[in-house]
Protein backbone atom coordinates (compact mmCIF):
# COMPACT_ATOMS: atom_id res chain seq x y z
CA UNK A 1 -6.59 -9.13 -23.04
CA UNK A 2 -8.00 -6.21 -21.09
CA UNK A 3 -8.57 -8.58 -17.89
CA UNK A 4 -5.89 -9.79 -15.54
CA UNK A 5 -6.71 -13.31 -16.02
CA UNK A 6 -6.09 -12.93 -20.11
CA UNK A 7 -2.28 -10.82 -19.36
CA UNK A 8 -1.56 -13.33 -17.05
CA UNK A 9 -2.01 -16.13 -19.01
CA UNK A 10 -0.62 -15.14 -21.98
CA UNK A 11 2.41 -14.10 -20.29
CA UNK A 12 2.82 -17.61 -18.55
CA UNK A 13 2.44 -18.91 -22.61
CA UNK A 14 4.91 -17.08 -23.57
CA UNK A 15 7.39 -17.79 -20.19
CA UNK A 16 6.52 -21.63 -21.26
CA UNK A 17 7.34 -21.37 -24.57
CA UNK A 18 10.56 -19.92 -24.31
CA UNK A 19 11.28 -22.11 -21.36
CA UNK A 20 10.69 -24.82 -23.75
CA UNK A 21 12.60 -23.66 -26.96
CA UNK A 22 15.42 -22.74 -24.36
CA UNK A 23 15.21 -26.14 -22.93
CA UNK A 24 15.02 -27.93 -26.65
CA UNK A 25 18.53 -26.09 -27.78
CA UNK A 26 20.07 -26.32 -24.49
CA UNK A 27 19.04 -30.69 -24.88
CA UNK A 28 20.41 -30.48 -28.45
CA UNK A 29 23.77 -28.87 -27.34
CA UNK A 30 24.03 -30.87 -24.43
CA UNK A 31 23.41 -34.00 -26.19
CA UNK A 32 26.25 -33.36 -28.84
CA UNK A 33 28.62 -32.38 -26.83
CA UNK A 34 28.46 -35.32 -24.35
CA UNK A 35 28.08 -37.38 -27.73
CA UNK A 36 31.30 -35.91 -28.61
CA UNK A 37 33.27 -36.25 -25.37
CA UNK A 38 31.86 -39.84 -25.63
CA UNK A 39 33.61 -40.36 -28.51
CA UNK A 40 36.35 -38.58 -28.38
CA UNK A 41 37.58 -40.65 -25.03
CA UNK A 42 36.38 -44.60 -26.88
CA UNK A 43 38.03 -43.46 -30.32
CA UNK A 44 41.53 -41.71 -28.48
CA UNK A 45 44.04 -44.79 -28.30
CA UNK A 46 42.73 -44.76 -32.80
CA UNK A 47 45.58 -42.55 -33.82
CA UNK A 48 48.38 -44.35 -31.42
CA UNK A 49 46.85 -47.70 -32.69
CA UNK A 50 47.70 -46.55 -36.43
CA UNK A 51 51.28 -44.89 -35.57
CA UNK A 52 51.67 -48.30 -33.51
CA UNK A 53 51.50 -50.57 -36.51
CA UNK A 54 53.43 -48.81 -39.35
CA UNK A 55 56.72 -46.53 -39.57
CA UNK A 56 54.51 -44.21 -41.32
CA UNK A 57 57.91 -41.54 -41.87
CA UNK A 58 60.77 -43.11 -42.05
CA UNK A 59 64.09 -40.94 -42.61
CA UNK A 60 61.74 -37.85 -43.35
CA UNK A 61 59.83 -39.78 -46.25
CA UNK A 62 56.09 -40.40 -45.40
CA UNK A 63 54.75 -44.01 -46.15
CA UNK A 64 51.53 -43.42 -48.25
CA UNK A 65 51.06 -46.68 -48.91
CA UNK A 66 50.97 -48.32 -45.73
CA UNK A 67 48.63 -44.73 -44.40
CA UNK A 68 46.47 -45.51 -46.94
CA UNK A 69 46.15 -49.36 -45.51
CA UNK A 70 45.75 -48.44 -42.26
CA UNK A 71 43.41 -45.73 -43.35
CA UNK A 72 41.11 -48.22 -44.79
CA UNK A 73 41.25 -50.77 -41.61
CA UNK A 74 40.06 -47.86 -39.05
CA UNK A 75 37.68 -46.65 -41.01
CA UNK A 76 36.13 -50.59 -41.01
CA UNK A 77 36.35 -50.59 -37.50
CA UNK A 78 34.92 -46.60 -37.62
CA UNK A 79 33.57 -45.68 -40.62
CA UNK A 80 33.26 -42.05 -39.06
CA UNK A 81 36.90 -41.79 -38.88
CA UNK A 82 39.29 -39.92 -41.38
CA UNK A 83 42.73 -40.04 -41.14
CA UNK A 84 45.30 -36.92 -42.00
CA UNK A 85 48.97 -37.50 -41.28
CA UNK A 86 50.80 -33.98 -40.74
CA UNK A 87 53.91 -32.41 -40.71
CA UNK A 88 55.34 -30.96 -37.70
CA UNK A 89 53.89 -27.69 -39.41
CA UNK A 90 50.39 -28.66 -39.61
CA UNK A 91 50.52 -29.08 -43.31
CA UNK A 92 48.77 -32.25 -44.64
CA UNK A 93 51.32 -34.64 -46.01
CA UNK A 94 48.98 -37.82 -46.77
CA UNK A 95 45.32 -38.67 -46.23
CA UNK A 96 42.98 -42.36 -47.17
CA UNK A 97 40.67 -39.88 -49.06
CA UNK A 98 40.10 -39.02 -52.39
CA UNK A 99 42.07 -35.67 -53.30
CA UNK A 100 39.54 -33.56 -54.37
CA UNK A 101 37.17 -33.73 -50.83
CA UNK A 102 40.44 -32.37 -49.09
CA UNK A 103 39.58 -28.57 -49.11
CA UNK A 104 42.49 -27.33 -46.86
CA UNK A 105 46.04 -27.35 -46.75
CA UNK A 106 46.78 -27.55 -42.75
CA UNK A 107 45.13 -28.14 -39.84
CA UNK A 108 45.75 -26.32 -36.79
CA UNK A 109 47.97 -27.68 -34.21
CA UNK A 110 47.17 -25.76 -30.95
CA UNK A 111 44.18 -28.54 -29.85
CA UNK A 112 46.12 -31.44 -31.13
CA UNK A 113 49.68 -30.37 -29.03
CA UNK A 114 46.36 -29.99 -26.03
CA UNK A 115 45.20 -33.46 -26.80
CA UNK A 116 48.49 -35.38 -26.38
CA UNK A 117 49.67 -33.13 -23.59
CA UNK A 118 46.28 -34.14 -22.26
CA UNK A 119 46.05 -30.72 -19.68
CA UNK A 120 42.81 -30.09 -21.51
CA UNK A 121 38.97 -30.90 -20.75
CA UNK A 122 37.03 -32.71 -23.74
CA UNK A 123 35.56 -32.48 -25.70
CA UNK A 124 38.40 -30.79 -27.90
CA UNK A 125 37.32 -29.99 -31.59
CA UNK A 126 40.11 -29.23 -34.14
CA UNK A 127 40.25 -28.04 -38.46
CA UNK A 128 37.94 -29.99 -40.59
CA UNK A 129 40.03 -30.44 -43.98
CA UNK A 130 37.04 -31.46 -46.09
CA UNK A 131 34.64 -28.91 -44.81
CA UNK A 132 37.23 -25.87 -43.99
CA UNK A 133 34.85 -24.43 -41.79
CA UNK A 134 33.51 -26.85 -39.22
CA UNK A 135 35.66 -27.68 -36.34
CA UNK A 136 34.88 -31.32 -35.30
CA UNK A 137 36.33 -34.22 -31.75
CA UNK A 138 39.60 -36.10 -33.48
CA UNK A 139 42.13 -38.54 -32.20
CA UNK A 140 45.96 -37.19 -32.93
CA UNK A 141 49.55 -39.15 -32.10
CA UNK A 142 52.41 -38.04 -32.47
CA UNK A 143 54.64 -39.73 -35.17
CA UNK A 144 58.27 -40.18 -34.16
CA UNK A 145 61.76 -40.21 -36.72
CA UNK A 146 64.69 -42.11 -35.18
CA UNK A 147 63.50 -40.58 -31.46
CA UNK A 148 62.62 -37.08 -33.23
CA UNK A 149 59.48 -35.52 -33.83
CA UNK A 150 58.46 -36.29 -38.04
CA UNK A 151 54.69 -35.14 -37.47
CA UNK A 152 51.08 -36.18 -36.23
CA UNK A 153 49.00 -38.36 -36.98
CA UNK A 154 45.33 -36.67 -37.52
CA UNK A 155 41.90 -38.83 -36.77
CA UNK A 156 38.65 -36.98 -37.22
CA UNK A 157 36.34 -38.75 -35.73
CA UNK A 158 32.69 -37.28 -37.76
CA UNK A 159 33.64 -36.62 -40.82
CA UNK A 160 30.87 -37.30 -43.80
CA UNK A 161 29.42 -40.38 -43.46
CA UNK A 162 28.88 -39.34 -39.74
CA UNK A 163 27.54 -36.00 -40.72
CA UNK A 164 25.15 -37.95 -43.26
CA UNK A 165 23.90 -40.44 -40.52
CA UNK A 166 23.42 -37.24 -38.33
CA UNK A 167 21.42 -35.54 -40.58
CA UNK A 168 19.25 -38.73 -41.06
CA UNK A 169 19.08 -39.74 -37.89
CA UNK A 170 17.56 -35.81 -37.21
CA UNK A 171 14.64 -36.33 -38.98
CA UNK A 172 14.11 -40.26 -37.48
CA UNK A 173 11.32 -41.47 -35.56
CA UNK A 174 13.17 -41.06 -32.24
CA UNK A 175 14.19 -37.13 -32.96
CA UNK A 176 10.19 -36.45 -33.61
CA UNK A 177 8.84 -38.64 -30.95
CA UNK A 178 11.34 -36.52 -28.53
CA UNK A 179 10.23 -33.10 -30.00
CA UNK A 180 6.65 -34.07 -29.80
CA UNK A 181 6.77 -35.37 -26.23
CA UNK A 182 8.67 -31.94 -25.25
CA UNK A 183 5.72 -29.96 -27.14
CA UNK A 184 3.26 -31.80 -24.90
CA UNK A 185 4.88 -31.05 -22.12
CA UNK A 186 4.94 -27.10 -22.87
CA UNK A 187 1.19 -27.40 -23.70
CA UNK A 188 0.48 -29.50 -20.38
CA UNK A 189 2.57 -27.00 -18.07
CA UNK A 190 0.40 -23.90 -19.78
CA UNK A 191 -3.03 -25.44 -19.67
CA UNK A 192 -1.93 -26.36 -15.99
CA UNK A 193 -0.84 -22.46 -15.30
CA UNK A 194 -3.59 -21.30 -16.97
CA UNK A 195 -6.22 -23.22 -14.86
CA UNK A 196 -4.16 -21.99 -11.46
CA UNK A 197 -4.60 -18.72 -12.48
CA UNK A 198 -7.94 -18.55 -13.20
CA UNK A 199 -8.10 -20.44 -9.26
CA UNK A 200 -6.43 -17.79 -8.40
CA UNK A 201 -8.15 -14.72 -9.48
CA UNK A 202 -11.89 -16.01 -9.14
CA UNK A 203 -11.61 -14.48 -6.41
CA UNK A 204 -10.48 -11.04 -7.39
CA UNK A 205 -13.00 -11.49 -10.15
CA UNK A 206 -15.38 -11.53 -7.69
CA UNK A 207 -13.62 -8.85 -5.26
CA UNK A 208 -13.55 -6.67 -8.62
CA UNK A 209 -17.28 -7.46 -9.29
CA UNK A 210 -18.54 -6.64 -5.78
CA UNK A 211 -16.75 -3.50 -5.76
CA UNK A 212 -18.23 -2.42 -8.77
CA UNK A 213 -21.63 -3.32 -7.51
CA UNK A 214 -21.41 -1.14 -4.19
CA UNK A 215 -19.67 1.49 -6.54
CA UNK A 216 -22.95 1.92 -8.41
CA UNK A 217 -25.41 2.39 -5.60
CA UNK A 218 -23.04 5.09 -4.25
CA UNK A 219 -21.66 3.10 -1.55
CA UNK A 220 -25.70 2.97 -0.19
CA UNK A 221 -25.12 -0.77 0.44
CA UNK A 222 -22.45 -2.41 2.14
CA UNK A 223 -19.74 -5.08 0.65
CA UNK A 224 -20.89 -9.18 0.53
CA UNK A 225 -18.66 -12.07 0.75
CA UNK A 226 -15.98 -10.36 3.03
CA UNK A 227 -14.05 -12.49 4.91
CA UNK A 228 -14.52 -10.46 8.54
CA UNK A 229 -11.23 -12.32 10.26
CA UNK A 230 -8.09 -11.61 9.99
CA UNK A 231 -5.73 -13.83 7.85
CA UNK A 232 -5.13 -15.22 4.80
CA UNK A 233 -3.75 -13.94 1.79
CA UNK A 234 -3.56 -10.60 -0.05
CA UNK A 235 -6.91 -10.72 -1.83
CA UNK A 236 -8.46 -11.25 2.05
CA UNK A 237 -6.65 -8.14 3.38
CA UNK A 238 -7.85 -6.18 -0.08
CA UNK A 239 -11.71 -6.92 0.19
CA UNK A 240 -11.14 -6.17 4.44
CA UNK A 241 -9.43 -3.14 3.71
CA UNK A 242 -12.31 -2.25 0.67
CA UNK A 243 -15.30 -3.51 3.54
CA UNK A 244 -13.51 -0.73 5.79
CA UNK A 245 -13.00 1.96 3.27
CA UNK A 246 -16.61 1.51 2.06
CA UNK A 247 -17.88 1.69 5.69
CA UNK A 248 -15.72 4.95 6.09
CA UNK A 249 -16.94 6.69 2.88
CA UNK A 250 -21.01 5.87 3.82
CA UNK A 251 -20.08 7.34 7.45
CA UNK A 252 -18.92 10.25 5.68
CA UNK A 253 -21.56 10.55 3.18
CA UNK A 254 -24.40 10.52 5.49
CA UNK A 255 -22.13 13.18 7.74
CA UNK A 256 -21.64 14.99 4.95
CA UNK A 257 -26.02 14.77 4.62
CA UNK A 258 -26.03 15.51 7.95
CA UNK A 259 -23.91 18.82 7.81
CA UNK A 260 -25.85 19.93 5.05
CA UNK A 261 -29.34 19.24 6.89
CA UNK A 262 -27.50 21.29 9.74
CA UNK A 263 -25.97 24.34 7.62
CA UNK A 264 -29.68 24.87 6.41
CA UNK A 265 -30.90 24.71 9.81
CA UNK A 266 -28.21 27.19 10.33
CA UNK A 267 -29.00 29.25 7.69
CA UNK A 268 -32.05 29.70 8.47
CA UNK A 269 -31.77 29.91 12.29
CA UNK A 270 -29.42 32.67 12.16
CA UNK A 271 -31.32 34.59 9.34
CA UNK A 272 -34.32 34.51 11.99
CA UNK A 273 -32.21 35.42 15.25
CA UNK A 274 -30.54 38.00 13.38
CA UNK A 275 -33.62 39.25 12.36
CA UNK A 276 -35.25 39.33 15.58
CA UNK A 277 -32.76 41.92 17.26
CA UNK A 278 -32.33 43.99 14.20
CA UNK A 279 -36.12 44.42 13.43
CA UNK A 280 -36.10 45.38 17.30
CA UNK A 281 -33.41 47.92 17.34
CA UNK A 282 -35.30 49.13 13.89
CA UNK A 283 -38.36 49.86 15.45
CA UNK A 284 -37.21 51.71 18.64
CA UNK A 285 -34.77 53.74 16.15
CA UNK A 286 -37.26 54.89 13.80
CA UNK A 287 -39.80 55.76 16.63
CA UNK A 288 -37.01 57.60 18.31
CA UNK A 289 -36.66 59.36 14.82
CA UNK A 290 -39.95 60.23 13.59
CA UNK A 291 -41.34 61.27 17.27
CA UNK A 292 -37.96 62.70 18.34
CA UNK A 293 -39.00 65.49 20.60
CA UNK A 294 -42.59 64.51 21.36
CA UNK A 295 -41.11 61.88 23.92
CA UNK A 296 -39.96 62.70 27.08
CA UNK A 297 -36.16 62.15 28.78
CA UNK A 298 -37.58 59.19 30.79
CA UNK A 299 -39.19 57.63 27.77
CA UNK A 300 -36.45 58.27 25.31
CA UNK A 301 -33.93 56.74 27.38
CA UNK A 302 -36.04 53.76 27.72
CA UNK A 303 -35.77 53.53 24.11
CA UNK A 304 -32.42 53.75 23.86
CA UNK A 305 -31.64 51.59 26.47
CA UNK A 306 -34.13 48.50 24.43
CA UNK A 307 -31.93 49.43 21.61
CA UNK A 308 -28.73 48.97 22.93
CA UNK A 309 -29.78 45.50 24.62
CA UNK A 310 -30.66 44.09 21.22
CA UNK A 311 -27.57 45.45 19.63
CA UNK A 312 -25.65 43.68 22.76
CA UNK A 313 -27.23 40.29 22.09
CA UNK A 314 -26.78 40.99 18.20
CA UNK A 315 -22.93 41.40 18.98
CA UNK A 316 -22.84 38.09 21.38
CA UNK A 317 -24.78 35.91 18.69
CA UNK A 318 -22.26 37.24 15.79
CA UNK A 319 -19.22 36.51 17.96
CA UNK A 320 -20.70 33.50 18.92
CA UNK A 321 -20.94 32.25 15.26
CA UNK A 322 -17.72 33.15 14.68
CA UNK A 323 -16.16 31.32 17.49
CA UNK A 324 -18.13 27.87 17.13
CA UNK A 325 -17.26 28.57 13.32
CA UNK A 326 -13.35 28.73 14.02
CA UNK A 327 -14.15 25.72 16.53
CA UNK A 328 -15.78 23.55 13.13
CA UNK A 329 -12.83 24.35 11.03
CA UNK A 330 -9.90 23.21 13.43
CA UNK A 331 -8.94 27.11 13.61
CA UNK A 332 -8.51 27.07 17.04
CA UNK A 333 -6.75 23.75 17.73
CA UNK A 334 -5.83 23.29 21.55
CA UNK A 335 -2.92 24.31 23.03
CA UNK A 336 -2.71 21.39 25.72
CA UNK A 337 -0.42 22.63 29.02
CA UNK A 338 -0.64 21.67 32.46
CA UNK A 339 -2.67 24.22 35.22
CA UNK A 340 -4.65 24.40 37.78
CA UNK A 341 -8.34 23.82 37.40
CA UNK A 342 -9.31 24.75 41.13
CA UNK A 343 -7.61 28.15 40.46
CA UNK A 344 -9.33 28.76 36.93
CA UNK A 345 -12.87 27.99 38.76
CA UNK A 346 -12.40 30.42 41.15
CA UNK A 347 -11.37 32.65 38.41
CA UNK A 348 -14.37 31.67 36.80
CA UNK A 349 -16.72 32.64 39.41
CA UNK A 350 -15.62 35.41 40.14
CA UNK A 351 -17.11 37.19 37.07
CA UNK A 352 -20.33 36.60 37.84
CA UNK A 353 -19.84 37.51 41.43
CA UNK A 354 -21.62 40.60 41.29
CA UNK A 355 -24.36 39.64 39.49
CA UNK A 356 -25.28 36.77 42.05
CA UNK A 357 -24.81 38.97 44.75
CA UNK A 358 -27.37 41.23 43.18
CA UNK A 359 -30.25 38.57 43.20
CA UNK A 360 -29.28 36.60 46.00
CA UNK A 361 -27.79 33.79 44.29
CA UNK A 362 -25.51 31.55 46.12
CA UNK A 363 -22.37 30.55 43.96
CA UNK A 364 -20.50 27.46 45.96
CA UNK A 365 -17.35 25.39 45.29
CA UNK A 366 -16.41 22.37 46.39
CA UNK A 367 -13.09 20.72 46.02
CA UNK A 368 -10.22 20.27 48.15
CA UNK A 369 -7.65 22.72 47.76
CA UNK A 370 -3.95 21.46 46.19
CA UNK A 371 -5.22 18.86 44.16
CA UNK A 372 -3.77 17.39 41.20
CA UNK A 373 -3.48 19.69 38.04
CA UNK A 374 -5.27 18.70 34.44
CA UNK A 375 -3.83 18.83 30.85
CA UNK A 376 -6.02 20.97 28.55
CA UNK A 377 -6.31 24.51 26.67
CA UNK A 378 -6.76 26.73 29.44
CA UNK A 379 -8.64 29.57 27.38
CA UNK A 380 -11.40 26.84 25.93
CA UNK A 381 -11.73 25.10 29.32
CA UNK A 382 -12.26 28.93 30.54
CA UNK A 383 -14.86 29.66 27.96
CA UNK A 384 -16.13 26.03 28.85
CA UNK A 385 -16.97 26.83 32.41
CA UNK A 386 -18.19 30.96 31.54
CA UNK A 387 -20.44 29.71 29.42
CA UNK A 388 -22.18 26.78 31.96
CA UNK A 389 -22.25 29.09 34.77
CA UNK A 390 -23.83 31.78 32.77
CA UNK A 391 -26.58 29.34 32.19
CA UNK A 392 -26.79 28.07 35.37
CA UNK A 393 -26.96 32.49 36.92
CA UNK A 394 -29.16 34.02 33.88
CA UNK A 395 -31.99 30.29 34.90
CA UNK A 396 -31.40 29.81 38.89
CA UNK A 397 -34.50 32.45 40.22
CA UNK A 398 -33.49 34.84 42.94
CA UNK A 399 -32.27 33.30 46.00
CA UNK A 400 -31.21 30.22 44.62
CA UNK A 401 -27.57 28.29 44.70
CA UNK A 402 -25.37 27.50 41.91
CA UNK A 403 -22.59 25.11 42.57
CA UNK A 404 -19.41 23.88 41.00
CA UNK A 405 -17.87 20.65 42.35
CA UNK A 406 -13.99 19.01 40.84
CA UNK A 407 -14.16 15.11 42.21
CA UNK A 408 -10.88 13.37 41.82
CA UNK A 409 -11.16 10.32 39.93
CA UNK A 410 -7.91 7.80 39.76
CA UNK A 411 -6.88 8.82 36.09
CA UNK A 412 -9.13 12.02 36.20
CA UNK A 413 -10.67 15.35 37.54
CA UNK A 414 -14.74 14.91 36.88
CA UNK A 415 -15.85 18.66 36.80
CA UNK A 416 -19.82 19.70 37.65
CA UNK A 417 -21.73 22.64 37.28
CA UNK A 418 -25.31 22.53 38.92
CA UNK A 419 -28.26 24.72 39.76
CA UNK A 420 -31.27 25.11 41.46
CA UNK A 421 -33.09 26.03 38.42
CA UNK A 422 -36.33 24.96 36.85
CA UNK A 423 -34.85 21.99 35.08
CA UNK A 424 -34.99 20.98 31.56
CA UNK A 425 -38.02 18.32 30.40
CA UNK A 426 -36.74 14.86 29.22
CA UNK A 427 -38.09 15.62 25.88
CA UNK A 428 -35.37 18.62 25.39
CA UNK A 429 -32.67 17.26 27.16
CA UNK A 430 -31.41 15.08 23.90
CA UNK A 431 -31.60 18.11 21.56
CA UNK A 432 -29.83 20.76 23.71
CA UNK A 433 -26.70 21.07 22.21
CA UNK A 434 -28.05 21.32 19.28
CA UNK A 435 -27.21 24.66 18.02
CA UNK A 436 -30.11 27.52 18.24
CA UNK A 437 -32.20 24.65 19.74
CA UNK A 438 -34.57 26.42 21.99
CA UNK A 439 -36.27 24.07 24.89
CA UNK A 440 -40.41 25.28 25.16
CA UNK A 441 -40.97 24.64 28.89
CA UNK A 442 -36.99 24.52 29.89
CA UNK A 443 -34.27 26.75 30.98
CA UNK A 444 -33.44 28.48 27.38
CA UNK A 445 -37.52 29.18 26.79
CA UNK A 446 -36.60 32.17 29.46
CA UNK A 447 -32.88 33.18 27.42
CA UNK A 448 -32.46 35.82 25.43
CA UNK A 449 -28.73 34.32 25.23
CA UNK A 450 -27.45 33.43 21.13
CA UNK A 451 -28.26 29.93 21.53
CA UNK A 452 -25.24 28.34 20.56
CA UNK A 453 -23.35 28.46 24.24
CA UNK A 454 -23.47 24.65 24.96
CA UNK A 455 -22.79 24.22 20.88
CA UNK A 456 -19.66 26.38 21.56
CA UNK A 457 -19.13 23.75 25.03
CA UNK A 458 -19.56 20.36 23.26
CA UNK A 459 -17.20 21.23 20.75
CA UNK A 460 -14.74 22.32 22.74
CA UNK A 461 -14.96 19.19 24.88
CA UNK A 462 -15.09 17.42 21.59
CA UNK A 463 -11.53 18.49 20.73
CA UNK A 464 -10.44 17.77 23.79
CA UNK A 465 -11.88 13.66 23.57
CA UNK A 466 -14.13 15.08 26.75
CA UNK A 467 -17.89 13.48 27.29
CA UNK A 468 -20.04 16.09 28.90
CA UNK A 469 -23.33 14.79 30.36
CA UNK A 470 -26.40 16.45 31.66
CA UNK A 471 -29.18 15.28 33.87
CA UNK A 472 -32.34 17.47 35.02
CA UNK A 473 -35.51 17.39 36.87
CA UNK A 474 -38.21 19.51 36.22
CA UNK A 475 -38.46 22.65 39.17
CA UNK A 476 -35.00 20.44 40.46
CA UNK A 477 -32.28 21.84 38.76
CA UNK A 478 -30.65 20.84 36.28
CA UNK A 479 -26.41 19.49 36.54
CA UNK A 480 -23.85 19.35 33.93
CA UNK A 481 -20.70 17.00 34.44
CA UNK A 482 -17.69 16.90 32.21
CA UNK A 483 -13.98 14.97 32.69
CA UNK A 484 -10.29 16.50 31.74
CA UNK A 485 -7.28 13.99 32.35
CA UNK A 486 -5.27 14.36 35.61
CA UNK A 487 -1.75 16.05 34.58
CA UNK A 488 1.17 13.23 35.76
CA UNK A 489 4.54 14.74 36.54
CA UNK A 490 7.64 13.05 34.99
CA UNK A 491 9.18 10.65 37.84
């Protein structure tokens, strides 16, 4: 009883059983009402016939002998008829049955008057004097004496003889066959319903088994026998949703495993990169403390400069780690706004102008002034440009060139940062955006940065739904390129 099929089948059998029982009761009630109406319509003239044969009340005196004679004749014609002569107040004056079988002394005249007036819908039931508790259909007519209403002739249709016959017929062959047929119909309906439920829930059982199988494997396996095309009923839709959910869960599990791997790698790299400047700082500071005045002023100054250099690198590394962690945790959600990309590029290049001049590096800008604006977080895009230009300037040899170009496309502005440095080896290109990855023979081999600059660039552009690409040839320079959407002003 714990399965959906069992519960649906039980509910169906209960509903069919209740409907069969209700149908049986309604059929019995309707049949009885139909027979009573038919009987009352067919026998409506009996009372009028009897009152027309004899003067049953003459000068206020009832002719009981004539009543008994007419009652006997009427019962020959209709054995179920029982005749009563009533006064104007409903009191029984006479009848054609044994005295000890009549239990009531009066009859309610309200239904009698309704039938005589003909303003009611049949069947109409009246009191049965021989039972005192039940009501039966009847025929009635007024008894007139000297032009005045003297009483009523009341004919009960379906007296004790009818009750006895009805009791016998209730256990007859026809009644038994009818009851048996109704039971067979109920059983057949229930069986067909159970079969239909079995067919309908078969796919649901198969889907449930498939869900259990996939969940037991930890979503290592994908669902089978899942409808791929749209359409179908709710079960097909449920199967497609489960397949999509399973695929999504599998991707999330793989992402969690990858994140865990990156976390362990990050902890290892951070430990290494923090240890290097700290060890260097500690070594030089301990040398200053131990040797003290034994060092001349130039050596002491040199040691302090080296220690300061490592503190700067350590500060940069920690700052980049905090920035990257905020980007990964979506704590630095982009605040999109329209701005001039050309002006931002000029501001960024001015930051590196002094260093470039000292090393004889040309900083070039290639774009048309007055171009369209773009949409993005201006602070984060500035960080992207700063990191890319910083790498380009750092790894470009003295006398080289660094160029930032902006090309207008139909729906975007393509930004490129290129240099004339030593380039990046092909084997290192796929991994340069990984955190702390160091290219052996490329630009990063010479870098004393945190190793997180390009990872920050990629994460910021991911938040802007932009993809950064890189092209490089050894000893021929490197080119980074990404796109930002064009700002469309409302018409």
